[in-house]
Amino acid sequence: MSPLVIVLMGVSGCGKSTVGGELSRLLGWPFRDADSFHPPANVEKMRRAIPLTDDDRRPWLDAIAQWIDERRTGRTPGIVSCSALKRIYRERIVGSRGGIRLVYLRGGMELVAARLARREDHFMPAALLASQFEALEEPQEDERPLVVSIEPPPAEIAARIVAELGRATATREA
């Protein structure tokens, strides 16, 4: 069974929004960027380079989980991005829900920092990148992540994700 919802995770600047847009184009599924779920207070903290706390993240994660549940209930596929840096965050949005596939966009700090330095008009400053990598708990095998390097161009990354998800589906159905 192919996933109903794809959750793209990784540090800020790894390409979640860009890859999400490419996946949406390839699959014809709607894409929702995690930033759109943040309450205004969170956005303001990040704008001022103040790292969010777990308490700050709770309503944000709950809103993402609700969007995922709405997709699953309506049997409507979708793609959502979420940094989901810690396992407890992933448990909150993915947990034991079926029909969800976690895709981890993995890249090193140097590559991501270079991308953030070129990014304009985003509230997440490059100054918070170190805190993102410090908080990052890479997904473990039991979370069944699809781990994808962010080094290739976004269109290539999206095509690989689609191909890998297709192979995983074919393997399970065989």
C-alpha atoms as a PDB file:
ATOM      1  CA  MET A   1       0.000   0.000   0.000  1.00  0.00           C
ATOM      2  CA  SER A   2       1.473   3.355  -0.965  1.00  0.00           C
ATOM      3  CA  PRO A   3       1.515   6.140   1.614  1.00  0.00           C
ATOM      4  CA  LEU A   4      -1.420   8.481   1.864  1.00  0.00           C
ATOM      5  CA  VAL A   5       0.692  11.219   3.467  1.00  0.00           C
ATOM      6  CA  ILE A   6       4.383  11.984   2.983  1.00  0.00           C
ATOM      7  CA  VAL A   7       6.105  13.866   5.807  1.00  0.00           C
ATOM      8  CA  LEU A   8       9.304  15.612   4.701  1.00  0.00           C
ATOM      9  CA  MET A   9      11.634  16.227   7.633  1.00  0.00           C
ATOM     10  CA  GLY A  10      15.023  17.819   8.218  1.00  0.00           C
ATOM     11  CA  VAL A  11      16.721  20.954   9.466  1.00  0.00           C
ATOM     12  CA  SER A  12      15.779  24.397   8.215  1.00  0.00           C
ATOM     13  CA  GLY A  13      17.311  25.011   4.808  1.00  0.00           C
ATOM     14  CA  CYS A  14      17.514  21.355   3.759  1.00  0.00           C
ATOM     15  CA  GLY A  15      14.946  21.883   1.002  1.00  0.00           C
ATOM     16  CA  LYS A  16      11.697  20.628   2.510  1.00  0.00           C
ATOM     17  CA  SER A  17       9.578  23.337   0.853  1.00  0.00           C
ATOM     18  CA  THR A  18      11.270  23.084  -2.529  1.00  0.00           C
ATOM     19  CA  VAL A  19      11.217  19.281  -2.600  1.00  0.00           C
ATOM     20  CA  GLY A  20       7.629  19.336  -1.326  1.00  0.00           C
ATOM     21  CA  GLY A  21       6.649  21.551  -4.259  1.00  0.00           C
ATOM     22  CA  GLU A  22       8.413  19.220  -6.695  1.00  0.00           C
ATOM     23  CA  LEU A  23       6.700  16.165  -5.182  1.00  0.00           C
ATOM     24  CA  SER A  24       3.356  17.942  -5.408  1.00  0.00           C
ATOM     25  CA  ARG A  25       3.992  18.613  -9.092  1.00  0.00           C
ATOM     26  CA  LEU A  26       5.065  15.015  -9.785  1.00  0.00           C
ATOM     27  CA  LEU A  27       2.311  13.286  -7.802  1.00  0.00           C
ATOM     28  CA  GLY A  28      -0.497  15.826  -8.170  1.00  0.00           C
ATOM     29  CA  TRP A  29      -0.897  15.843  -4.382  1.00  0.00           C
ATOM     30  CA  PRO A  30      -1.389  19.001  -2.335  1.00  0.00           C
ATOM     31  CA  PHE A  31       1.629  20.240  -0.374  1.00  0.00           C
ATOM     32  CA  ARG A  32       1.439  22.099   2.921  1.00  0.00           C
ATOM     33  CA  ASP A  33       4.523  23.798   4.318  1.00  0.00           C
ATOM     34  CA  ALA A  34       5.022  23.384   8.063  1.00  0.00           C
ATOM     35  CA  ASP A  35       5.746  27.090   8.443  1.00  0.00           C
ATOM     36  CA  SER A  36       2.091  27.813   7.667  1.00  0.00           C
ATOM     37  CA  PHE A  37       1.077  25.958  10.851  1.00  0.00           C
ATOM     38  CA  HIS A  38       3.170  28.114  13.226  1.00  0.00           C
ATOM     39  CA  PRO A  39       1.300  30.490  15.518  1.00  0.00           C
ATOM     40  CA  PRO A  40       2.403  34.159  15.168  1.00  0.00           C
ATOM     41  CA  ALA A  41       4.284  34.059  18.495  1.00  0.00           C
ATOM     42  CA  ASN A  42       6.560  31.292  17.171  1.00  0.00           C
ATOM     43  CA  VAL A  43       7.260  33.173  13.963  1.00  0.00           C
ATOM     44  CA  GLU A  44       8.198  36.271  15.954  1.00  0.00           C
ATOM     45  CA  LYS A  45      10.556  34.309  18.208  1.00  0.00           C
ATOM     46  CA  MET A  46      12.320  32.789  15.194  1.00  0.00           C
ATOM     47  CA  ARG A  47      12.493  36.176  13.473  1.00  0.00           C
ATOM     48  CA  ARG A  48      14.348  37.437  16.566  1.00  0.00           C
ATOM     49  CA  ALA A  49      16.690  34.352  16.445  1.00  0.00           C
ATOM     50  CA  ILE A  50      15.210  32.878  19.632  1.00  0.00           C
ATOM     51  CA  PRO A  51      15.067  29.069  19.462  1.00  0.00           C
ATOM     52  CA  LEU A  52      11.648  27.558  20.074  1.00  0.00           C
ATOM     53  CA  THR A  53      11.027  25.431  23.136  1.00  0.00           C
ATOM     54  CA  ASP A  54       9.139  22.158  23.197  1.00  0.00           C
ATOM     55  CA  ASP A  55       6.191  24.075  24.692  1.00  0.00           C
ATOM     56  CA  ASP A  56       6.318  26.505  21.742  1.00  0.00           C
ATOM     57  CA  ARG A  57       6.295  23.606  19.306  1.00  0.00           C
ATOM     58  CA  ARG A  58       3.384  21.697  20.852  1.00  0.00           C
ATOM     59  CA  PRO A  59       0.505  23.652  19.176  1.00  0.00           C
ATOM     60  CA  TRP A  60       2.432  23.686  15.904  1.00  0.00           C
ATOM     61  CA  LEU A  61       2.921  19.905  15.951  1.00  0.00           C
ATOM     62  CA  ASP A  62      -0.713  19.380  16.963  1.00  0.00           C
ATOM     63  CA  ALA A  63      -1.870  21.473  13.983  1.00  0.00           C
ATOM     64  CA  ILE A  64       0.294  19.401  11.621  1.00  0.00           C
ATOM     65  CA  ALA A  65      -1.015  16.162  13.162  1.00  0.00           C
ATOM     66  CA  GLN A  66      -4.581  17.423  12.703  1.00  0.00           C
ATOM     67  CA  TRP A  67      -3.913  18.171   9.016  1.00  0.00           C
ATOM     68  CA  ILE A  68      -2.475  14.660   8.585  1.00  0.00           C
ATOM     69  CA  ASP A  69      -5.507  13.132  10.322  1.00  0.00           C
ATOM     70  CA  GLU A  70      -7.857  15.091   8.061  1.00  0.00           C
ATOM     71  CA  ARG A  71      -6.033  13.716   5.015  1.00  0.00           C
ATOM     72  CA  ARG A  72      -6.213  10.172   6.350  1.00  0.00           C
ATOM     73  CA  THR A  73      -9.884  10.442   7.327  1.00  0.00           C
ATOM     74  CA  GLY A  74     -10.818  11.853   3.917  1.00  0.00           C
ATOM     75  CA  ARG A  75      -8.534   9.328   2.143  1.00  0.00           C
ATOM     76  CA  THR A  76      -6.986  12.320   0.380  1.00  0.00           C
ATOM     77  CA  PRO A  77      -3.236  12.124  -0.248  1.00  0.00           C
ATOM     78  CA  GLY A  78      -0.966  14.956   0.784  1.00  0.00           C
ATOM     79  CA  ILE A  79       2.561  16.071   1.464  1.00  0.00           C
ATOM     80  CA  VAL A  80       3.599  18.084   4.497  1.00  0.00           C
ATOM     81  CA  SER A  81       6.939  19.404   5.622  1.00  0.00           C
ATOM     82  CA  CYS A  82       7.984  19.508   9.249  1.00  0.00           C
ATOM     83  CA  SER A  83      11.463  19.779  10.694  1.00  0.00           C
ATOM     84  CA  ALA A  84      10.489  16.991  13.151  1.00  0.00           C
ATOM     85  CA  LEU A  85      13.986  17.172  14.593  1.00  0.00           C
ATOM     86  CA  LYS A  86      13.294  15.072  17.674  1.00  0.00           C
ATOM     87  CA  ARG A  87      11.774  11.647  17.890  1.00  0.00           C
ATOM     88  CA  ILE A  88       9.111  12.936  20.312  1.00  0.00           C
ATOM     89  CA  TYR A  89       7.989  15.386  17.617  1.00  0.00           C
ATOM     90  CA  ARG A  90       7.775  12.629  15.023  1.00  0.00           C
ATOM     91  CA  GLU A  91       5.804  10.474  17.460  1.00  0.00           C
ATOM     92  CA  ARG A  92       3.351  13.356  17.853  1.00  0.00           C
ATOM     93  CA  ILE A  93       2.759  13.801  14.107  1.00  0.00           C
ATOM     94  CA  VAL A  94       3.356  10.268  12.801  1.00  0.00           C
ATOM     95  CA  GLY A  95       3.220   7.937  15.809  1.00  0.00           C
ATOM     96  CA  SER A  96       1.384   4.718  15.056  1.00  0.00           C
ATOM     97  CA  ARG A  97      -0.761   6.276  12.315  1.00  0.00           C
ATOM     98  CA  GLY A  98      -0.873   4.121   9.212  1.00  0.00           C
ATOM     99  CA  GLY A  99      -0.469   5.372   5.672  1.00  0.00           C
ATOM    100  CA  ILE A 100       2.295   7.880   6.470  1.00  0.00           C
ATOM    101  CA  ARG A 101       5.843   7.776   5.147  1.00  0.00           C
ATOM    102  CA  LEU A 102       8.617   9.768   6.771  1.00  0.00           C
ATOM    103  CA  VAL A 103      11.217  11.143   4.332  1.00  0.00           C
ATOM    104  CA  TYR A 104      14.370  12.518   5.932  1.00  0.00           C
ATOM    105  CA  LEU A 105      16.221  15.075   3.821  1.00  0.00           C
ATOM    106  CA  ARG A 106      19.765  14.660   5.102  1.00  0.00           C
ATOM    107  CA  GLY A 107      22.587  17.126   4.571  1.00  0.00           C
ATOM    108  CA  GLY A 108      25.630  18.442   6.375  1.00  0.00           C
ATOM    109  CA  MET A 109      25.838  21.740   8.224  1.00  0.00           C
ATOM    110  CA  GLU A 110      28.181  23.339   5.674  1.00  0.00           C
ATOM    111  CA  LEU A 111      25.852  22.667   2.727  1.00  0.00           C
ATOM    112  CA  VAL A 112      22.746  23.793   4.614  1.00  0.00           C
ATOM    113  CA  ALA A 113      24.487  26.947   5.918  1.00  0.00           C
ATOM    114  CA  ALA A 114      25.442  27.889   2.358  1.00  0.00           C
ATOM    115  CA  ARG A 115      21.826  27.492   1.264  1.00  0.00           C
ATOM    116  CA  LEU A 116      20.513  29.538   4.181  1.00  0.00           C
ATOM    117  CA  ALA A 117      22.979  32.307   3.386  1.00  0.00           C
ATOM    118  CA  ARG A 118      21.388  32.611  -0.085  1.00  0.00           C
ATOM    119  CA  ARG A 119      17.792  32.466   1.144  1.00  0.00           C
ATOM    120  CA  GLU A 120      15.796  35.686   1.226  1.00  0.00           C
ATOM    121  CA  ASP A 121      12.503  36.653   2.827  1.00  0.00           C
ATOM    122  CA  HIS A 122      12.318  33.832   5.359  1.00  0.00           C
ATOM    123  CA  PHE A 123      11.782  34.300   9.070  1.00  0.00           C
ATOM    124  CA  MET A 124      14.170  31.499  10.091  1.00  0.00           C
ATOM    125  CA  PRO A 125      17.621  33.112  10.393  1.00  0.00           C
ATOM    126  CA  ALA A 126      20.824  31.221   9.668  1.00  0.00           C
ATOM    127  CA  ALA A 127      21.867  32.007  13.251  1.00  0.00           C
ATOM    128  CA  LEU A 128      19.527  29.252  14.466  1.00  0.00           C
ATOM    129  CA  LEU A 129      21.060  26.545  12.260  1.00  0.00           C
ATOM    130  CA  ALA A 130      23.481  25.309  14.935  1.00  0.00           C
ATOM    131  CA  SER A 131      20.576  24.840  17.357  1.00  0.00           C
ATOM    132  CA  GLN A 132      18.747  22.830  14.695  1.00  0.00           C
ATOM    133  CA  PHE A 133      21.668  20.433  14.272  1.00  0.00           C
ATOM    134  CA  GLU A 134      22.104  20.202  18.066  1.00  0.00           C
ATOM    135  CA  ALA A 135      18.438  19.240  18.474  1.00  0.00           C
ATOM    136  CA  LEU A 136      18.420  16.816  15.519  1.00  0.00           C
ATOM    137  CA  GLU A 137      17.796  13.181  16.413  1.00  0.00           C
ATOM    138  CA  GLU A 138      18.090  11.358  13.115  1.00  0.00           C
ATOM    139  CA  PRO A 139      15.208   8.931  12.555  1.00  0.00           C
ATOM    140  CA  GLN A 140      15.958   5.338  13.445  1.00  0.00           C
ATOM    141  CA  GLU A 141      15.267   2.197  11.452  1.00  0.00           C
ATOM    142  CA  ASP A 142      12.103   1.410  13.442  1.00  0.00           C
ATOM    143  CA  GLU A 143      10.624   4.710  12.167  1.00  0.00           C
ATOM    144  CA  ARG A 144      11.029   3.384   8.607  1.00  0.00           C
ATOM    145  CA  PRO A 145      12.415   6.619   7.199  1.00  0.00           C
ATOM    146  CA  LEU A 146      13.347   7.054   3.603  1.00  0.00           C
ATOM    147  CA  VAL A 147      16.692   8.862   3.929  1.00  0.00           C
ATOM    148  CA  VAL A 148      17.596  11.052   0.963  1.00  0.00           C
ATOM    149  CA  SER A 149      20.703  13.175   0.406  1.00  0.00           C
ATOM    150  CA  ILE A 150      20.051  16.852  -0.281  1.00  0.00           C
ATOM    151  CA  GLU A 151      23.112  17.197  -2.515  1.00  0.00           C
ATOM    152  CA  PRO A 152      21.335  16.609  -5.885  1.00  0.00           C
ATOM    153  CA  PRO A 153      19.001  19.239  -7.369  1.00  0.00           C
ATOM    154  CA  PRO A 154      15.456  19.302  -5.892  1.00  0.00           C
ATOM    155  CA  ALA A 155      13.808  17.801  -9.001  1.00  0.00           C
ATOM    156  CA  GLU A 156      16.208  14.862  -8.828  1.00  0.00           C
ATOM    157  CA  ILE A 157      15.543  14.413  -5.102  1.00  0.00           C
ATOM    158  CA  ALA A 158      11.774  14.402  -5.693  1.00  0.00           C
ATOM    159  CA  ALA A 159      12.098  11.894  -8.544  1.00  0.00           C
ATOM    160  CA  ARG A 160      14.181   9.616  -6.313  1.00  0.00           C
ATOM    161  CA  ILE A 161      11.576   9.810  -3.536  1.00  0.00           C
ATOM    162  CA  VAL A 162       8.785   8.870  -5.950  1.00  0.00           C
ATOM    163  CA  ALA A 163      10.874   5.992  -7.325  1.00  0.00           C
ATOM    164  CA  GLU A 164      11.828   4.718  -3.863  1.00  0.00           C
ATOM    165  CA  LEU A 165       8.245   4.889  -2.600  1.00  0.00           C
ATOM    166  CA  GLY A 166       7.111   3.015  -5.726  1.00  0.00           C
ATOM    167  CA  ARG A 167       9.718   0.317  -5.150  1.00  0.00           C
ATOM    168  CA  ALA A 168       8.735  -0.018  -1.488  1.00  0.00           C
ATOM    169  CA  THR A 169       5.091  -0.387  -2.497  1.00  0.00           C
ATOM    170  CA  ALA A 170       5.887  -2.983  -5.159  1.00  0.00           C
ATOM    171  CA  THR A 171       8.028  -4.961  -2.687  1.00  0.00           C
ATOM    172  CA  ARG A 172       5.255  -5.047  -0.071  1.00  0.00           C
ATOM    173  CA  GLU A 173       2.624  -6.080  -2.628  1.00  0.00           C
ATOM    174  CA  ALA A 174       4.762  -8.811  -4.212  1.00  0.00           C
END
